Amino acid sequence: MQKLKKGCVNCMYKVAVMGDKESIYGFSALGMSVFPTENKEEASTILNKLATSGFGIVYMTEKLASIIPEEIEKYKFESKPAIILIPGVNGNTGEGMEQVNKSVEKAVGSNILK
């Protein structure tokens, strides 16, 4: 785990967002790095580069995640990057909300969101 030093400005992990252009460009206004793609090979390459480049969180549209499940699976039990699915403009599968429900149930002992 990375230790935070007093007065350190660059001690936090970077945050990325992957998906179709229409769904992710608004995140750049929040200071997140955006990586527009809808191509399986390109998405796999980008995700692997992000995982080795100091990115702690990767938000990914559900639609993009549905075409690279094997790549996402590689990082499932790794501490970083945390891959969090988000709904996009279209092509939503509900997988992102299902993951949130599972995480809440695991943390609290029951699903309080239903």
C-alpha atoms as a PDB file:
ATOM      1  CA  MET A   1       0.000   0.000   0.000  1.00  0.00           C
ATOM      2  CA  GLN A   2       1.259   3.441  -0.882  1.00  0.00           C
ATOM      3  CA  LYS A   3       2.093   5.622   2.135  1.00  0.00           C
ATOM      4  CA  LEU A   4       0.961   9.222   2.074  1.00  0.00           C
ATOM      5  CA  LYS A   5       3.658  11.677   3.041  1.00  0.00           C
ATOM      6  CA  LYS A   6       2.974  14.965   4.766  1.00  0.00           C
ATOM      7  CA  GLY A   7       2.787  17.696   2.158  1.00  0.00           C
ATOM      8  CA  CYS A   8       2.824  15.224  -0.726  1.00  0.00           C
ATOM      9  CA  VAL A   9       0.705  16.344  -3.650  1.00  0.00           C
ATOM     10  CA  ASN A  10       1.115  13.412  -6.062  1.00  0.00           C
ATOM     11  CA  CYS A  11       0.593  10.477  -3.695  1.00  0.00           C
ATOM     12  CA  MET A  12      -2.813   9.404  -4.924  1.00  0.00           C
ATOM     13  CA  TYR A  13      -3.641   6.934  -7.632  1.00  0.00           C
ATOM     14  CA  LYS A  14      -4.981   8.224 -10.931  1.00  0.00           C
ATOM     15  CA  VAL A  15      -8.568   7.650 -12.078  1.00  0.00           C
ATOM     16  CA  ALA A  16      -9.525   6.669 -15.629  1.00  0.00           C
ATOM     17  CA  VAL A  17     -12.806   6.298 -17.497  1.00  0.00           C
ATOM     18  CA  MET A  18     -13.221   4.000 -20.499  1.00  0.00           C
ATOM     19  CA  GLY A  19     -16.138   3.663 -22.892  1.00  0.00           C
ATOM     20  CA  ASP A  20     -17.859   5.287 -25.821  1.00  0.00           C
ATOM     21  CA  LYS A  21     -17.105   8.958 -26.398  1.00  0.00           C
ATOM     22  CA  GLU A  22     -20.617  10.210 -25.661  1.00  0.00           C
ATOM     23  CA  SER A  23     -20.728   8.479 -22.278  1.00  0.00           C
ATOM     24  CA  ILE A  24     -17.333   9.440 -20.876  1.00  0.00           C
ATOM     25  CA  TYR A  25     -16.193  12.876 -22.035  1.00  0.00           C
ATOM     26  CA  GLY A  26     -17.991  14.683 -19.205  1.00  0.00           C
ATOM     27  CA  PHE A  27     -15.669  12.958 -16.741  1.00  0.00           C
ATOM     28  CA  SER A  28     -12.682  14.911 -18.032  1.00  0.00           C
ATOM     29  CA  ALA A  29     -14.187  18.037 -16.452  1.00  0.00           C
ATOM     30  CA  LEU A  30     -13.794  16.261 -13.104  1.00  0.00           C
ATOM     31  CA  GLY A  31     -10.079  15.727 -13.703  1.00  0.00           C
ATOM     32  CA  MET A  32     -10.336  12.089 -14.724  1.00  0.00           C
ATOM     33  CA  SER A  33      -8.386  10.694 -17.662  1.00  0.00           C
ATOM     34  CA  VAL A  34     -10.744   9.558 -20.407  1.00  0.00           C
ATOM     35  CA  PHE A  35     -10.040   6.787 -22.902  1.00  0.00           C
ATOM     36  CA  PRO A  36     -12.746   6.580 -25.569  1.00  0.00           C
ATOM     37  CA  THR A  37     -12.980   3.208 -27.270  1.00  0.00           C
ATOM     38  CA  GLU A  38     -15.563   0.703 -28.420  1.00  0.00           C
ATOM     39  CA  ASN A  39     -13.089  -1.762 -29.934  1.00  0.00           C
ATOM     40  CA  LYS A  40     -12.307  -5.022 -28.107  1.00  0.00           C
ATOM     41  CA  GLU A  41      -8.581  -5.183 -28.901  1.00  0.00           C
ATOM     42  CA  GLU A  42      -8.011  -1.497 -28.204  1.00  0.00           C
ATOM     43  CA  ALA A  43      -9.976  -1.682 -24.932  1.00  0.00           C
ATOM     44  CA  SER A  44      -7.904  -4.667 -23.765  1.00  0.00           C
ATOM     45  CA  THR A  45      -4.668  -2.861 -24.577  1.00  0.00           C
ATOM     46  CA  ILE A  46      -5.765   0.330 -22.832  1.00  0.00           C
ATOM     47  CA  LEU A  47      -6.904  -1.526 -19.706  1.00  0.00           C
ATOM     48  CA  ASN A  48      -3.598  -3.403 -19.452  1.00  0.00           C
ATOM     49  CA  LYS A  49      -1.623  -0.160 -19.853  1.00  0.00           C
ATOM     50  CA  LEU A  50      -3.727   1.595 -17.208  1.00  0.00           C
ATOM     51  CA  ALA A  51      -3.181  -1.287 -14.784  1.00  0.00           C
ATOM     52  CA  THR A  52       0.593  -0.840 -15.025  1.00  0.00           C
ATOM     53  CA  SER A  53       0.633   2.969 -15.123  1.00  0.00           C
ATOM     54  CA  GLY A  54      -0.481   4.029 -11.648  1.00  0.00           C
ATOM     55  CA  PHE A  55      -4.237   4.023 -12.170  1.00  0.00           C
ATOM     56  CA  GLY A  56      -6.048   2.882  -9.029  1.00  0.00           C
ATOM     57  CA  ILE A  57      -9.600   3.140 -10.349  1.00  0.00           C
ATOM     58  CA  VAL A  58     -10.939   2.503 -13.831  1.00  0.00           C
ATOM     59  CA  TYR A  59     -14.570   3.363 -14.456  1.00  0.00           C
ATOM     60  CA  MET A  60     -15.854   1.497 -17.497  1.00  0.00           C
ATOM     61  CA  THR A  61     -19.180   1.589 -19.291  1.00  0.00           C
ATOM     62  CA  GLU A  62     -21.233  -1.581 -19.000  1.00  0.00           C
ATOM     63  CA  LYS A  63     -21.357  -1.886 -22.782  1.00  0.00           C
ATOM     64  CA  LEU A  64     -17.556  -1.866 -23.092  1.00  0.00           C
ATOM     65  CA  ALA A  65     -17.157  -4.272 -20.173  1.00  0.00           C
ATOM     66  CA  SER A  66     -19.489  -6.728 -21.889  1.00  0.00           C
ATOM     67  CA  ILE A  67     -17.006  -7.166 -24.773  1.00  0.00           C
ATOM     68  CA  ILE A  68     -13.863  -7.685 -22.629  1.00  0.00           C
ATOM     69  CA  PRO A  69     -14.974  -9.849 -19.676  1.00  0.00           C
ATOM     70  CA  GLU A  70     -11.793 -11.963 -19.782  1.00  0.00           C
ATOM     71  CA  GLU A  71      -9.598  -8.869 -19.406  1.00  0.00           C
ATOM     72  CA  ILE A  72     -11.659  -7.581 -16.500  1.00  0.00           C
ATOM     73  CA  GLU A  73     -11.489 -11.001 -14.827  1.00  0.00           C
ATOM     74  CA  LYS A  74      -7.667 -10.766 -14.759  1.00  0.00           C
ATOM     75  CA  TYR A  75      -7.907  -7.838 -12.330  1.00  0.00           C
ATOM     76  CA  LYS A  76     -10.800  -9.087 -10.208  1.00  0.00           C
ATOM     77  CA  PHE A  77      -8.614 -10.165  -7.286  1.00  0.00           C
ATOM     78  CA  GLU A  78      -5.896  -7.539  -7.704  1.00  0.00           C
ATOM     79  CA  SER A  79      -5.745  -4.525  -5.405  1.00  0.00           C
ATOM     80  CA  LYS A  80      -5.529  -2.183  -8.380  1.00  0.00           C
ATOM     81  CA  PRO A  81      -6.988  -1.131 -10.551  1.00  0.00           C
ATOM     82  CA  ALA A  82     -10.479  -1.363  -9.154  1.00  0.00           C
ATOM     83  CA  ILE A  83     -12.726  -1.688 -12.201  1.00  0.00           C
ATOM     84  CA  ILE A  84     -16.123  -0.138 -11.596  1.00  0.00           C
ATOM     85  CA  LEU A  85     -18.880  -0.474 -14.161  1.00  0.00           C
ATOM     86  CA  ILE A  86     -21.024   2.548 -14.925  1.00  0.00           C
ATOM     87  CA  PRO A  87     -24.056   2.979 -17.177  1.00  0.00           C
ATOM     88  CA  GLY A  88     -23.422   4.622 -20.503  1.00  0.00           C
ATOM     89  CA  VAL A  89     -25.623   6.570 -22.871  1.00  0.00           C
ATOM     90  CA  ASN A  90     -26.883   3.273 -24.329  1.00  0.00           C
ATOM     91  CA  GLY A  91     -26.219  -0.464 -24.183  1.00  0.00           C
ATOM     92  CA  ASN A  92     -26.625  -0.750 -20.429  1.00  0.00           C
ATOM     93  CA  THR A  93     -26.798  -4.237 -18.967  1.00  0.00           C
ATOM     94  CA  GLY A  94     -27.492  -3.572 -15.276  1.00  0.00           C
ATOM     95  CA  GLU A  95     -24.192  -5.249 -14.348  1.00  0.00           C
ATOM     96  CA  GLY A  96     -22.873  -2.092 -12.647  1.00  0.00           C
ATOM     97  CA  MET A  97     -25.815  -1.894 -10.256  1.00  0.00           C
ATOM     98  CA  GLU A  98     -25.610  -5.632  -9.639  1.00  0.00           C
ATOM     99  CA  GLN A  99     -21.967  -5.208  -8.561  1.00  0.00           C
ATOM    100  CA  VAL A 100     -22.939  -2.374  -6.207  1.00  0.00           C
ATOM    101  CA  ASN A 101     -25.664  -4.554  -4.674  1.00  0.00           C
ATOM    102  CA  LYS A 102     -23.203  -7.430  -4.136  1.00  0.00           C
ATOM    103  CA  SER A 103     -20.637  -5.120  -2.544  1.00  0.00           C
ATOM    104  CA  VAL A 104     -23.197  -3.614  -0.190  1.00  0.00           C
ATOM    105  CA  GLU A 105     -24.487  -7.043   0.774  1.00  0.00           C
ATOM    106  CA  LYS A 106     -20.958  -8.262   1.440  1.00  0.00           C
ATOM    107  CA  ALA A 107     -20.103  -5.205   3.551  1.00  0.00           C
ATOM    108  CA  VAL A 108     -23.365  -4.912   5.503  1.00  0.00           C
ATOM    109  CA  GLY A 109     -24.569  -8.497   5.584  1.00  0.00           C
ATOM    110  CA  SER A 110     -27.759  -7.849   3.651  1.00  0.00           C
ATOM    111  CA  ASN A 111     -28.765  -5.861   0.625  1.00  0.00           C
ATOM    112  CA  ILE A 112     -30.167  -2.608   1.982  1.00  0.00           C
ATOM    113  CA  LEU A 113     -30.567  -1.108  -1.498  1.00  0.00           C
ATOM    114  CA  LYS A 114     -33.459  -3.325  -2.631  1.00  0.00           C
END
